[in-house]
Structure formats: C-alpha cells, structure tokens
Protein backbone atom coordinates (compact mmCIF):
# COMPACT_ATOMS: atom_id res chain seq x y z
CA MET A 1 83.43 -245.24 -11.07
CA THR A 2 85.47 -242.33 -12.34
CA ASP A 3 89.16 -241.63 -12.00
CA ALA A 4 88.55 -238.68 -9.66
CA GLN A 5 90.41 -238.46 -6.36
CA TYR A 6 89.02 -240.74 -3.64
CA SER A 7 87.20 -238.65 -1.02
CA PRO A 8 85.60 -239.12 2.42
CA ALA A 9 82.26 -238.86 0.65
CA THR A 10 83.20 -241.86 -1.47
CA ALA A 11 83.84 -243.96 1.62
CA THR A 12 80.51 -242.93 3.07
CA ALA A 13 78.70 -243.71 -0.17
CA LEU A 14 80.28 -247.14 -0.40
CA ALA A 15 79.41 -247.88 3.21
CA ILE A 16 75.81 -246.76 3.13
CA GLY A 17 74.84 -246.73 -0.54
CA ALA A 18 73.78 -243.09 -0.48
CA THR A 19 75.43 -239.95 -1.83
CA ASP A 20 75.07 -236.26 -1.14
CA ALA A 21 74.87 -235.06 -4.74
CA GLY A 22 75.03 -237.90 -7.27
CA TRP A 23 78.34 -239.57 -7.98
CA VAL A 24 80.49 -238.38 -5.10
CA GLU A 25 83.69 -239.41 -6.91
CA GLU A 26 83.32 -236.32 -9.12
CA THR A 27 85.62 -233.53 -7.98
CA ASP A 28 82.98 -230.80 -8.22
CA VAL A 29 80.67 -232.47 -5.67
CA PRO A 30 80.78 -230.59 -2.33
CA TRP A 31 81.30 -232.49 0.93
CA ASP A 32 78.04 -232.32 2.89
CA SER A 33 78.99 -232.82 6.55
CA SER A 34 75.37 -233.05 7.73
CA LEU A 35 74.59 -235.83 5.28
CA ALA A 36 77.86 -237.55 6.11
CA SER A 37 76.86 -237.58 9.77
CA TYR A 38 73.47 -239.00 8.84
CA ASN A 39 75.01 -241.69 6.65
CA LEU A 40 77.47 -242.78 9.32
CA ARG A 41 74.64 -242.81 11.86
CA GLN A 42 72.76 -245.14 9.55
CA VAL A 43 75.75 -247.51 9.50
CA GLU A 44 75.74 -247.54 13.30
CA GLN A 45 71.99 -248.08 13.37
CA ARG A 46 72.27 -251.10 11.08
CA THR A 47 74.95 -252.55 13.34
CA ALA A 48 72.75 -251.89 16.37
CA PHE A 49 69.85 -253.77 14.76
CA LEU A 50 72.08 -256.80 14.30
CA LEU A 51 73.52 -256.68 17.83
CA ALA A 52 70.11 -256.25 19.43
CA ASP A 53 68.78 -259.17 17.43
CA LEU A 54 71.77 -261.28 18.51
CA ARG A 55 71.25 -260.26 22.15
CA ASP A 56 67.59 -261.26 22.07
CA ASN A 57 68.27 -264.58 20.37
CA ILE A 58 70.96 -265.50 22.89
CA ALA A 59 68.59 -264.46 25.67
CA ALA A 60 65.91 -266.81 24.30
CA LEU A 61 68.44 -269.65 24.15
CA ARG A 62 69.62 -268.92 27.69
CA ALA A 63 66.04 -268.91 28.98
CA ALA A 64 65.38 -272.29 27.38
CA VAL A 65 68.59 -273.95 28.56
CA ALA A 66 69.05 -272.38 32.00
CA PRO A 67 66.01 -270.38 33.17
CA PRO A 68 66.75 -267.78 35.88
CA ALA A 69 66.24 -269.16 39.37
CA ARG A 70 65.80 -265.81 41.12
CA THR A 71 63.60 -262.79 40.49
CA VAL A 72 63.87 -259.07 41.19
CA ARG A 73 61.14 -256.46 40.72
CA ILE A 74 62.47 -253.23 39.23
CA MET A 75 60.67 -249.98 38.44
CA ALA A 76 62.30 -247.67 35.89
CA VAL A 77 61.27 -244.03 36.31
CA GLY A 78 62.20 -241.17 34.04
CA ASP A 79 61.70 -239.23 30.83
CA SER A 80 62.54 -239.85 27.16
CA ILE A 81 65.90 -241.39 28.07
CA THR A 82 64.18 -244.02 30.22
CA ILE A 83 61.72 -244.60 27.38
CA GLY A 84 64.69 -245.11 25.07
CA ALA A 85 64.63 -242.29 22.53
CA GLY A 86 67.53 -242.71 20.14
CA SER A 87 67.88 -246.47 20.59
CA THR A 88 67.23 -249.27 18.16
CA ALA A 89 63.77 -250.70 17.66
CA LEU A 90 63.95 -254.01 15.81
CA GLY A 91 61.88 -253.68 12.67
CA GLY A 92 61.20 -250.03 13.46
CA GLN A 93 61.98 -246.81 11.65
CA VAL A 94 64.47 -244.05 12.35
CA ASP A 95 64.03 -240.30 11.94
CA GLN A 96 66.07 -237.92 9.76
CA TYR A 97 68.88 -237.94 12.32
CA GLY A 98 68.98 -241.70 12.63
CA ASN A 99 67.25 -241.73 16.01
CA GLY A 100 65.26 -244.85 16.72
CA ALA A 101 62.37 -245.40 19.08
CA GLY A 102 63.56 -248.46 20.92
CA THR A 103 63.49 -249.23 24.61
CA GLY A 104 66.88 -247.85 25.62
CA TYR A 105 68.73 -249.37 28.56
CA ARG A 106 65.87 -251.59 29.73
CA PRO A 107 66.42 -254.65 27.50
CA TRP A 108 70.13 -254.48 28.24
CA LEU A 109 69.38 -254.33 31.97
CA VAL A 110 67.16 -257.40 31.69
CA ASP A 111 69.80 -259.22 29.63
CA LEU A 112 72.68 -258.40 31.99
CA LEU A 113 70.67 -259.65 34.96
CA ALA A 114 69.62 -262.81 33.12
CA ARG A 115 73.30 -263.59 32.64
CA ARG A 116 73.48 -263.66 36.44
CA GLY A 117 70.53 -266.02 36.64
CA ILE A 118 68.13 -263.27 37.73
CA ALA A 119 64.76 -262.70 36.06
CA VAL A 120 63.32 -259.18 36.07
CA GLN A 121 59.74 -258.09 36.60
CA LEU A 122 60.04 -254.65 35.06
CA THR A 123 57.63 -251.75 35.44
CA THR A 124 58.26 -248.52 33.51
CA VAL A 125 56.88 -245.14 34.54
CA ALA A 126 58.23 -242.59 32.08
CA GLN A 127 57.02 -239.77 29.87
CA TYR A 128 58.73 -237.74 27.17
CA GLY A 129 59.98 -234.32 28.22
CA GLN A 130 58.85 -234.52 31.83
CA THR A 131 60.26 -233.45 35.18
CA VAL A 132 60.37 -234.57 38.81
CA ARG A 133 57.27 -232.50 39.51
CA VAL A 134 55.28 -234.31 36.82
CA MET A 135 56.66 -237.83 37.28
CA ALA A 136 56.36 -238.11 41.07
CA PRO A 137 52.54 -238.59 41.20
CA PRO A 138 52.27 -241.41 38.59
CA THR A 139 55.28 -243.15 40.12
CA LEU A 140 53.79 -243.10 43.61
CA ALA A 141 50.44 -244.29 42.21
CA ALA A 142 52.14 -247.25 40.48
CA LEU A 143 54.07 -248.46 43.53
CA PRO A 144 51.32 -250.48 45.30
CA ALA A 145 50.65 -252.71 42.28
CA ALA A 146 54.27 -253.03 41.12
CA ARG A 147 55.75 -253.63 44.61
CA PRO A 148 59.29 -253.02 43.32
CA ASP A 149 62.36 -254.20 45.16
CA ILE A 150 64.39 -251.48 43.42
CA VAL A 151 63.38 -248.18 41.85
CA LEU A 152 65.71 -246.62 39.28
CA ILE A 153 65.11 -242.88 38.83
CA ASP A 154 66.66 -240.91 35.97
CA LEU A 155 65.26 -237.38 36.09
CA GLY A 156 66.65 -233.87 35.93
CA THR A 157 67.41 -233.33 32.24
CA ASN A 158 64.11 -231.57 31.59
CA ASP A 159 64.13 -229.87 34.99
CA MET A 160 67.20 -227.95 33.80
CA GLY A 161 65.01 -226.48 31.08
CA GLY A 162 62.84 -224.46 33.44
CA ASP A 163 61.62 -226.38 36.47
CA SER A 164 64.68 -226.21 38.70
CA ASP A 165 63.23 -223.87 41.36
CA ASN A 166 63.21 -225.67 44.71
CA TRP A 167 64.23 -228.75 42.77
CA VAL A 168 66.44 -230.32 45.44
CA TYR A 169 63.65 -230.24 48.00
CA ARG A 170 61.05 -231.68 45.61
CA TYR A 171 63.36 -234.44 44.40
CA GLY A 172 64.33 -235.35 47.96
CA GLN A 173 60.69 -235.39 49.00
CA PHE A 174 59.91 -237.69 46.07
CA VAL A 175 62.66 -240.11 47.13
CA ASP A 176 61.37 -240.07 50.72
CA GLN A 177 57.85 -240.88 49.51
CA VAL A 178 59.14 -243.86 47.52
CA LEU A 179 61.09 -245.10 50.56
CA ALA A 180 58.02 -244.68 52.76
CA SER A 181 55.97 -246.91 50.43
CA SER A 182 57.76 -250.02 51.67
CA PRO A 183 60.28 -250.82 54.42
CA THR A 184 62.37 -252.83 51.96
CA VAL A 185 62.28 -250.85 48.69
CA ARG A 186 65.60 -249.40 47.57
CA VAL A 187 66.17 -246.40 45.31
CA ALA A 188 69.00 -245.59 42.88
CA LEU A 189 69.27 -242.11 41.38
CA ALA A 190 71.13 -241.37 38.15
CA ARG A 191 73.71 -238.62 37.92
CA LEU A 192 73.20 -236.80 34.63
CA PRO A 193 75.54 -237.05 31.63
CA TYR A 194 76.87 -233.95 29.89
CA TYR A 195 74.99 -232.68 26.87
CA ARG A 196 75.74 -230.59 23.82
CA GLY A 197 74.14 -227.18 24.18
CA ILE A 198 73.87 -227.26 27.99
CA ALA A 199 76.62 -225.64 30.04
CA THR A 200 78.87 -228.03 31.93
CA SER A 201 78.41 -225.91 35.05
CA THR A 202 74.63 -226.42 34.86
CA VAL A 203 74.99 -230.20 34.76
CA ASP A 204 77.56 -230.06 37.56
CA THR A 205 75.10 -228.11 39.71
CA MET A 206 72.33 -230.67 39.09
CA ASN A 207 74.66 -233.58 39.82
CA ALA A 208 75.87 -231.96 43.03
CA ALA A 209 72.23 -231.72 44.08
CA ILE A 210 71.63 -235.39 43.23
CA ASP A 211 74.72 -236.36 45.24
CA ALA A 212 73.42 -234.30 48.18
CA ILE A 213 70.02 -236.01 48.02
CA VAL A 214 71.69 -239.42 48.09
CA ASN A 215 74.22 -238.56 50.80
CA ALA A 216 71.47 -237.28 53.10
CA ARG A 217 69.76 -240.68 52.92
CA LYS A 218 72.72 -243.00 52.44
CA ALA A 219 73.01 -244.10 56.05
CA GLY A 220 70.01 -246.40 55.79
CA GLY A 221 71.61 -248.35 52.97
CA ARG A 222 68.55 -247.91 50.76
CA VAL A 223 69.64 -245.04 48.49
CA LEU A 224 72.58 -245.02 46.07
CA VAL A 225 73.69 -243.04 43.03
CA ALA A 226 74.55 -244.37 39.55
CA ASP A 227 77.00 -242.25 37.60
CA MET A 228 75.72 -241.68 34.05
CA ALA A 229 78.19 -238.81 33.52
CA VAL A 230 80.49 -241.41 31.93
CA ILE A 231 78.25 -241.30 28.82
CA SER A 232 79.74 -238.78 26.41
CA PRO A 233 77.57 -236.51 24.23
CA HIS A 234 79.53 -238.03 21.36
CA TRP A 235 77.58 -241.22 22.09
CA THR A 236 74.37 -239.49 21.04
CA ALA A 237 72.79 -238.57 17.73
CA ASP A 238 71.35 -235.30 18.95
CA GLY A 239 73.62 -234.35 21.84
CA MET A 240 71.25 -235.69 24.49
CA HIS A 241 69.68 -239.09 23.80
CA PRO A 242 72.19 -241.97 23.88
CA LEU A 243 72.82 -244.32 21.01
CA ASP A 244 72.67 -248.04 21.72
CA ALA A 245 76.22 -248.22 23.11
CA GLY A 246 75.31 -245.43 25.52
CA TYR A 247 72.20 -247.27 26.66
CA LEU A 248 74.22 -250.44 27.22
CA THR A 249 76.61 -248.36 29.35
CA MET A 250 73.63 -247.02 31.32
CA ALA A 251 72.50 -250.57 32.04
CA GLN A 252 76.00 -251.50 33.18
CA GLN A 253 76.13 -248.46 35.46
CA TRP A 254 72.78 -249.38 37.01
CA ILE A 255 73.96 -252.96 37.56
CA THR A 256 77.21 -251.78 39.16
CA THR A 257 75.25 -249.59 41.56
CA ILE A 258 72.49 -252.00 42.57
CA GLY A 259 74.71 -255.08 42.65
CA PRO A 260 74.66 -255.32 46.48
CA TRP A 261 70.84 -255.26 46.42
CA LEU A 262 70.40 -258.08 43.90
CA PRO A 263 69.35 -261.62 44.89
CA GLN A 264 72.42 -263.69 45.70
C-alpha cells in the first residue's frame, strides 16, 4: 500500500483482486471505467454463484423432506433470454463482460413452484437470436410429445431487429395454433423489457401489439400477458440480457401471471 489518495479504483481492486494498471493507489493511474464495470460485474457474478448454489441445495432438501404433491407441465418458448444468456452457470465460465451461460429464469421458476408444492415437467424450445417466424414451427412440432398445461412465450426482441413486418398477424396466428393443439392448454405471452440501444417507442409499439394479441383472445380465459417491462436495462450486463436478479424477477412475473392456472 502507498500513501496515495484512496480512489474508486482502490475499492474495486480490493473487492475483486484485479487492477486496471498495476497498483491503483498510485495517483498517476487513470480510472478505467470499462474495467471497473467488468470488475463490479465479477463481484455480482460471484454472489450469483453462491445464491444459485444455495437455492439448489435448499431445493434438494425440500424435495427430500416434503416432495411436491402436484405437477404442472410447462413449455418455455423463446430466444437467448429464455435460454438464459447472461445468467449464472454453476461451475461455468463468463465472457469478457461477465455474462454467464446459465439457464436464466427456468431454475427460479421451478424453485418458486416447488415452494408451493408443485413439481414442474419443463420443456424448453428456444434458440439464440431467433424470431416468431423461426420459433413457431419447432414449438408446434414439440407440443404433441410435451403436452404442456401452460406455454410461456417470450419473443419479439429479435423481431424488432428486422422481422417485424406483419408481425402481429404472425404472432397471433402462432398463439392460435398453440391453443388449437389442446382444448386445455393455456398460453402466457411476455411483454418486452426496455433495452439500451433500442428506442423506447419501438419497445412500446411491440408491447402494444402483444397486449392486442392477448386482449383479442382473453375472453376464453386461456391467454394472459406477463409484464417483463419491470426489468430495467440496468439489470443487464449488455443492455439486453438480464443478470440473475433480472431472471429471478422474470420467474416471479411468470408465476404472478399463471397463478390462477396452477394446480390448487
């Protein structure tokens, strides 16, 4: 340690054990905001590893002591956010921005339902960077084998990037095809969060379309909307993919929406 003035870089170095240019206590060391962001992200990632490990251990204990007495079949449909880009993978690696390659909201969804005594048979149909146009066929093909009670669809982020023509019709048609696959299946659509680098008005337009799709089919009681707009871009590493706290919030929003459909 030197006698130089204590700096934000010093706090980061002490927290993470990494510096931007040697001994950050030296006054001639510049403050590197990009590295600071990375270092702080690493602190959050370490915390997320610990919390995910704690969640999974408590879940194992719960399953041994009081196994769920009811079961629900859920299909999760989407893109990289449904896959879980940016979330923690226990024992896994993170990229230069601190993004993990975990499983996003899905383990939190399973855990939150287990706390209610409900086991989940989960099927995931998701691909990185894909749109409604691309994801509809594999989803419909997976329905007969999965026989889901509830289908959670989180699409639209990539459609904003160039596949938004006639989007409302195609998305509505996709929902109708899912509903037609079974007289009892229910569908929840996700409203999109706001992103860095994408105009608020663009997201508002997409969410208005999602609301319209849901409202046109709401009377049957089989289609609802989950509001993911509560997830701030500040809860992301890259402005788009949630961190672990964001994915936990997604799971909570799904649960809030589908609560009336769950086994009682």
